[in-house]
Amino acid sequence: MQPEPFTLLMTVYGGDRVEYVREAFHSAVHHQTLRPDQVVLVRDGPVAPELADCLRGLVLDSPSEVTFVALEHNRGLGPALDAGLNAAWHDIVARMDADDVAMPHRFQEQVPLVRAGADLVGAGLLEFGSDISDIVGRRIPPSDPTDIARYSRLHDPFNHPTVVYRRSAVMAVGGYGDLPLMEDYWLFARMIAQGARVVNLAEPLVYYRVGDGAYARRGGRDLLRSELRLQRAMRVEGFITRPQYWRNVVVRGGYRLVPTLVRRPFYRMLVAPYGARRNRSRKRAAAEAPSYVPRHARAQEAEPEPAPPRHPAG
């Protein structure tokens, strides 16, 4: 019996750089030890001639069959991803950003977990600057499902560029929708609320590109507006309580407004390493816990052995 096939979903828009798109595509298709069976490549609105030529070349040279979806107007990431999901042939879908680099064994590690029953699988990532040898940060997500659910009430529990999921599980909660800059967090929150089986691999499987403006883009009034929309939506959905809503507005809203020089060290010291801290804590607790003894064995241990019978003297 053949293993269940999977689709790679990647979107490109006019602001993407040709060399980044080419490197991202090759890393996620040509260089994978487990290649996708289909690639859905979404062009989100018009692009410059050089990028258009690059996309045509990627489609023609791909070792996996490519479904090219050309959107006439730029719709934004959420609607573009929903258009790509509608074009996917397979229920297992892997995400890839157009400026990141997938490690060669990424899908070999993640896809079998979805085949085995998970609805959503994420992974750690390494932030890099000029090239993948220039590692500037690391994001390790929480691995335990309980930690993922708890963490999701305040932070996005998945690194979106690393996820592989069941298309059916995504569509069951309405897809990505249109919540600019927060579409992935809103999707994952709804999936968790609906009981999706979620997994995070602590191992980094993607190199995530961070340029000079990466941390600047995590702040500003536009992102604050999206943040407030997200928190209202999660409150209405019942995913967070009223006290959690106000906590999130203060903490996350304030984070969007502080200067980038403050935001960068705050994120790297407190937010990015959270999963690593929780994972280490759980491993320590498991190592220190006494080994499990079945109930019947415990009962036998508690009862003293009967004394041997005494024979009368002859």
Protein backbone atom coordinates (compact mmCIF):
# COMPACT_ATOMS: atom_id res chain seq x y z
CA MET A 1 0.00 0.00 0.00
CA GLN A 2 1.39 3.38 -1.03
CA PRO A 3 1.96 6.02 1.70
CA GLU A 4 -0.60 8.80 1.74
CA PRO A 5 0.52 11.59 -0.64
CA PHE A 6 0.86 15.23 0.36
CA THR A 7 0.76 18.71 -1.15
CA LEU A 8 3.17 21.59 -0.64
CA LEU A 9 1.45 25.00 -0.45
CA MET A 10 3.48 28.13 -1.20
CA THR A 11 2.33 31.69 -1.96
CA VAL A 12 4.25 34.45 -3.71
CA TYR A 13 3.42 38.15 -4.04
CA GLY A 14 4.95 41.22 -5.71
CA GLY A 15 7.16 42.06 -2.75
CA ASP A 16 9.07 38.77 -2.79
CA ARG A 17 12.64 38.65 -4.09
CA VAL A 18 13.49 36.32 -6.96
CA GLU A 19 16.55 34.73 -5.36
CA TYR A 20 14.66 34.05 -2.11
CA VAL A 21 11.70 32.47 -3.90
CA ARG A 22 13.96 30.22 -5.96
CA GLU A 23 15.94 29.09 -2.90
CA ALA A 24 12.78 28.44 -0.89
CA PHE A 25 11.18 26.39 -3.68
CA HIS A 26 14.28 24.31 -4.32
CA SER A 27 14.78 23.59 -0.61
CA ALA A 28 11.17 22.40 -0.21
CA VAL A 29 10.96 20.36 -3.43
CA HIS A 30 14.26 19.48 -5.13
CA HIS A 31 16.32 18.95 -1.98
CA GLN A 32 13.82 17.06 0.20
CA THR A 33 14.42 13.44 1.16
CA LEU A 34 10.61 13.08 1.00
CA ARG A 35 9.31 15.16 -1.91
CA PRO A 36 5.76 16.50 -2.15
CA ASP A 37 3.45 14.74 -4.59
CA GLN A 38 1.93 18.05 -5.64
CA VAL A 39 3.01 21.67 -5.29
CA VAL A 40 0.37 24.41 -5.22
CA LEU A 41 2.08 27.68 -6.10
CA VAL A 42 -0.17 30.71 -5.61
CA ARG A 43 0.70 34.03 -7.22
CA ASP A 44 -1.07 36.57 -5.04
CA GLY A 45 -1.65 39.41 -7.50
CA PRO A 46 0.62 40.85 -10.19
CA VAL A 47 4.41 40.51 -9.95
CA ALA A 48 7.36 42.06 -11.76
CA PRO A 49 8.51 40.42 -15.03
CA GLU A 50 11.66 39.00 -13.44
CA LEU A 51 9.67 37.24 -10.71
CA ALA A 52 7.10 36.05 -13.26
CA ASP A 53 9.94 34.48 -15.29
CA CYS A 54 11.26 32.84 -12.12
CA LEU A 55 7.87 31.31 -11.35
CA ARG A 56 7.53 29.93 -14.89
CA GLY A 57 10.97 28.35 -14.59
CA LEU A 58 10.14 26.78 -11.22
CA VAL A 59 6.96 25.22 -12.63
CA LEU A 60 8.75 23.80 -15.68
CA ASP A 61 11.77 22.43 -13.79
CA SER A 62 9.98 21.01 -10.74
CA PRO A 63 10.40 17.26 -10.09
CA SER A 64 6.91 17.35 -8.50
CA GLU A 65 3.80 18.33 -10.42
CA VAL A 66 2.90 21.99 -9.89
CA THR A 67 -0.59 23.51 -9.84
CA PHE A 68 -0.17 27.24 -10.52
CA VAL A 69 -2.91 29.49 -9.12
CA ALA A 70 -2.78 33.06 -10.44
CA LEU A 71 -4.88 35.58 -8.49
CA GLU A 72 -5.62 38.72 -10.47
CA HIS A 73 -5.45 41.04 -7.46
CA ASN A 74 -3.39 40.89 -4.28
CA ARG A 75 -5.75 39.47 -1.65
CA GLY A 76 -3.38 39.01 1.29
CA LEU A 77 -1.91 35.87 2.81
CA GLY A 78 -5.06 34.37 4.35
CA PRO A 79 -7.26 34.49 1.21
CA ALA A 80 -4.30 33.41 -0.96
CA LEU A 81 -3.73 30.36 1.23
CA ASP A 82 -7.43 29.52 1.14
CA ALA A 83 -7.30 29.67 -2.68
CA GLY A 84 -4.31 27.33 -2.57
CA LEU A 85 -6.08 24.90 -0.25
CA ASN A 86 -8.97 24.74 -2.71
CA ALA A 87 -6.50 23.65 -5.40
CA ALA A 88 -4.83 20.96 -3.28
CA TRP A 89 -5.37 17.38 -4.42
CA HIS A 90 -4.35 15.77 -1.15
CA ASP A 91 -5.57 16.03 2.43
CA ILE A 92 -2.06 16.40 3.90
CA VAL A 93 -0.73 19.89 3.17
CA ALA A 94 2.67 21.32 4.09
CA ARG A 95 3.22 25.09 4.28
CA MET A 96 6.29 26.88 3.00
CA ASP A 97 7.07 30.60 2.97
CA ALA A 98 8.62 32.13 -0.12
CA ASP A 99 11.72 33.47 1.61
CA ASP A 100 12.63 30.68 4.04
CA VAL A 101 14.74 27.54 3.60
CA ALA A 102 13.49 24.05 4.50
CA MET A 103 15.97 21.57 5.92
CA PRO A 104 16.28 18.50 3.66
CA HIS A 105 14.69 16.09 6.17
CA ARG A 106 11.78 18.37 7.10
CA PHE A 107 8.95 16.44 5.45
CA GLN A 108 10.54 13.09 6.30
CA GLU A 109 10.08 14.06 9.96
CA GLN A 110 6.66 15.74 9.87
CA VAL A 111 4.50 14.05 7.25
CA PRO A 112 4.55 10.58 8.91
CA LEU A 113 3.09 12.15 12.08
CA VAL A 114 0.10 13.45 10.11
CA ARG A 115 -0.25 10.10 8.35
CA ALA A 116 -0.31 8.50 11.82
CA GLY A 117 -3.20 10.62 13.06
CA ALA A 118 -2.15 14.18 13.90
CA ASP A 119 -4.16 17.07 12.45
CA LEU A 120 -1.49 19.75 12.83
CA VAL A 121 2.27 19.33 13.20
CA GLY A 122 4.70 22.20 13.73
CA ALA A 123 8.42 22.37 14.42
CA GLY A 124 11.19 24.57 15.68
CA LEU A 125 13.03 26.99 13.43
CA LEU A 126 16.35 28.80 13.22
CA GLU A 127 16.37 32.52 12.44
CA PHE A 128 19.10 33.58 10.02
CA GLY A 129 20.39 36.82 8.60
CA SER A 130 22.50 37.03 5.44
CA ASP A 131 22.55 33.25 4.83
CA ILE A 132 21.81 30.03 6.72
CA SER A 133 25.29 30.02 8.26
CA ASP A 134 24.40 33.32 9.97
CA ILE A 135 22.12 32.00 12.75
CA VAL A 136 20.80 34.86 14.91
CA GLY A 137 18.02 33.18 16.88
CA ARG A 138 16.07 30.03 17.58
CA ARG A 139 12.36 29.39 18.19
CA ILE A 140 11.52 26.15 19.96
CA PRO A 141 7.75 25.60 20.40
CA PRO A 142 6.11 23.74 23.29
CA SER A 143 5.79 20.04 22.44
CA ASP A 144 3.29 18.68 24.96
CA PRO A 145 -0.37 19.09 23.83
CA THR A 146 -1.29 20.51 27.26
CA ASP A 147 1.45 23.13 26.98
CA ILE A 148 0.40 23.93 23.41
CA ALA A 149 -3.20 24.55 24.50
CA ARG A 150 -2.15 26.67 27.48
CA TYR A 151 0.38 28.68 25.50
CA SER A 152 -2.14 29.36 22.73
CA ARG A 153 -4.21 31.57 25.06
CA LEU A 154 -1.44 34.19 24.99
CA HIS A 155 0.85 33.34 22.06
CA ASP A 156 0.70 31.64 18.68
CA PRO A 157 1.74 28.08 19.60
CA PHE A 158 3.03 27.15 16.13
CA ASN A 159 5.70 28.54 13.87
CA HIS A 160 3.52 29.00 10.80
CA PRO A 161 6.31 28.49 8.22
CA THR A 162 6.91 25.00 9.66
CA VAL A 163 3.41 23.51 9.80
CA VAL A 164 1.98 20.43 8.09
CA TYR A 165 -1.74 19.79 8.56
CA ARG A 166 -4.86 18.00 7.45
CA ARG A 167 -6.67 20.09 4.88
CA SER A 168 -9.96 18.66 6.13
CA ALA A 169 -9.21 19.84 9.68
CA VAL A 170 -8.40 23.33 8.40
CA MET A 171 -11.51 23.54 6.25
CA ALA A 172 -13.68 22.23 9.11
CA VAL A 173 -13.02 25.47 11.03
CA GLY A 174 -13.47 27.74 8.02
CA GLY A 175 -9.94 27.95 6.62
CA TYR A 176 -7.62 30.87 7.18
CA GLY A 177 -10.08 33.68 6.56
CA ASP A 178 -9.03 37.31 6.25
CA LEU A 179 -7.38 38.57 9.44
CA PRO A 180 -4.25 40.29 8.11
CA LEU A 181 -1.01 39.48 9.94
CA MET A 182 -2.84 37.18 12.39
CA GLU A 183 -4.52 34.66 10.08
CA ASP A 184 -2.36 31.74 11.18
CA TYR A 185 -2.84 32.31 14.94
CA TRP A 186 -6.60 32.61 14.45
CA LEU A 187 -6.67 29.39 12.43
CA PHE A 188 -4.66 27.45 15.01
CA ALA A 189 -6.80 28.77 17.89
CA ARG A 190 -9.97 27.55 16.17
CA MET A 191 -8.44 24.17 15.42
CA ILE A 192 -7.37 23.71 19.04
CA ALA A 193 -10.82 24.82 20.23
CA GLN A 194 -12.43 22.20 17.98
CA GLY A 195 -10.27 19.41 19.39
CA ALA A 196 -7.67 19.03 16.64
CA ARG A 197 -4.83 16.63 17.45
CA VAL A 198 -1.79 18.89 17.60
CA VAL A 199 1.92 18.11 17.79
CA ASN A 200 5.09 20.21 17.83
CA LEU A 201 8.55 18.89 17.13
CA ALA A 202 11.13 20.80 19.15
CA GLU A 203 13.73 20.08 16.49
CA PRO A 204 14.32 23.03 14.11
CA LEU A 205 13.32 22.02 10.58
CA VAL A 206 13.18 25.40 8.83
CA TYR A 207 15.60 28.29 8.45
CA TYR A 208 13.54 31.48 8.92
CA ARG A 209 14.85 34.61 7.22
CA VAL A 210 14.99 37.71 9.40
CA GLY A 211 16.17 40.88 7.72
CA ASP A 212 16.72 44.27 9.28
CA GLY A 213 12.98 44.95 9.34
CA ALA A 214 11.80 41.64 10.77
CA TYR A 215 11.21 42.88 14.31
CA ALA A 216 9.97 46.26 13.10
CA ARG A 217 7.18 44.41 11.23
CA ARG A 218 6.01 42.86 14.50
CA GLY A 219 4.93 46.29 15.71
CA GLY A 220 3.07 49.35 14.52
CA ARG A 221 -0.52 50.51 14.41
CA ASP A 222 -1.63 48.20 11.59
CA LEU A 223 -0.49 45.15 13.53
CA LEU A 224 -2.05 46.56 16.69
CA ARG A 225 -5.41 46.82 14.90
CA SER A 226 -5.12 43.21 13.75
CA GLU A 227 -4.10 42.19 17.25
CA LEU A 228 -7.21 43.77 18.75
CA ARG A 229 -9.39 42.09 16.11
CA LEU A 230 -7.84 38.75 16.95
CA GLN A 231 -8.37 39.15 20.68
CA ARG A 232 -12.02 40.15 20.17
CA ALA A 233 -12.56 37.15 17.90
CA MET A 234 -11.00 34.75 20.41
CA ARG A 235 -13.10 36.25 23.20
CA VAL A 236 -16.34 35.94 21.18
CA GLU A 237 -15.42 32.37 20.24
CA GLY A 238 -14.93 31.56 23.93
CA PHE A 239 -11.33 30.53 23.34
CA ILE A 240 -10.14 33.00 25.98
CA THR A 241 -11.88 34.33 29.09
CA ARG A 242 -12.58 37.99 29.79
CA PRO A 243 -9.56 38.32 32.15
CA GLN A 244 -7.36 36.63 29.54
CA TYR A 245 -8.70 39.03 26.92
CA TRP A 246 -7.70 42.09 28.95
CA ARG A 247 -4.33 40.55 29.82
CA ASN A 248 -3.66 39.91 26.14
CA VAL A 249 -4.71 43.42 25.12
CA VAL A 250 -2.29 44.92 27.64
CA VAL A 251 0.62 42.52 27.06
CA ARG A 252 0.36 41.85 23.35
CA GLY A 253 -0.99 45.29 22.48
CA GLY A 254 1.78 46.95 24.44
CA TYR A 255 4.34 44.74 22.70
CA ARG A 256 3.16 46.11 19.34
CA LEU A 257 3.73 49.70 20.44
CA VAL A 258 7.14 49.53 22.12
CA PRO A 259 10.21 50.53 20.06
CA THR A 260 11.89 47.80 18.02
CA LEU A 261 15.02 48.05 20.18
CA VAL A 262 12.89 46.88 23.11
CA ARG A 263 10.78 44.40 21.15
CA ARG A 264 13.72 42.39 19.79
CA PRO A 265 15.39 41.45 23.13
CA PHE A 266 12.00 40.91 24.79
CA TYR A 267 11.00 38.41 22.13
CA ARG A 268 14.32 36.58 22.08
CA MET A 269 14.67 36.35 25.86
CA LEU A 270 11.08 35.57 26.89
CA VAL A 271 8.84 34.48 24.01
CA ALA A 272 11.04 32.45 21.64
CA PRO A 273 12.61 30.18 24.34
CA TYR A 274 9.31 29.40 26.12
CA GLY A 275 8.85 26.05 24.41
CA ALA A 276 12.42 24.99 25.14
CA ARG A 277 11.94 25.82 28.84
CA ARG A 278 8.67 23.87 29.07
CA ASN A 279 10.11 20.90 27.17
CA ARG A 280 13.15 20.74 29.47
CA SER A 281 10.92 21.01 32.54
CA ARG A 282 8.74 18.10 31.40
CA LYS A 283 11.75 15.93 30.56
CA ARG A 284 13.19 16.60 34.01
CA ALA A 285 9.91 15.74 35.70
CA ALA A 286 9.62 12.52 33.69
CA ALA A 287 13.17 11.51 34.55
CA GLU A 288 12.65 12.14 38.26
CA ALA A 289 9.27 10.44 38.49
CA PRO A 290 9.25 6.90 39.92
CA SER A 291 8.66 4.22 37.36
CA TYR A 292 5.08 3.06 36.99
CA VAL A 293 4.09 -0.16 38.74
CA PRO A 294 0.81 -1.81 37.67
CA ARG A 295 -1.94 -2.05 40.27
CA HIS A 296 -1.73 -5.84 40.64
CA ALA A 297 2.03 -5.67 41.07
CA ARG A 298 1.70 -2.96 43.71
CA ALA A 299 -0.74 -5.16 45.62
CA GLN A 300 1.66 -8.07 45.55
CA GLU A 301 4.51 -5.91 46.79
CA ALA A 302 2.42 -4.60 49.67
CA GLU A 303 1.46 -8.07 50.94
CA PRO A 304 4.20 -9.93 52.86
CA GLU A 305 5.05 -13.33 51.58
CA PRO A 306 3.39 -16.08 53.63
CA ALA A 307 5.68 -17.95 56.00
CA PRO A 308 6.51 -21.50 54.96
CA PRO A 309 4.39 -24.16 56.70
CA ARG A 310 5.82 -25.61 59.89
CA HIS A 311 5.95 -29.38 60.05
CA PRO A 312 5.44 -31.06 63.40
CA ALA A 313 8.51 -32.70 64.82
CA GLY A 314 8.61 -36.39 64.10
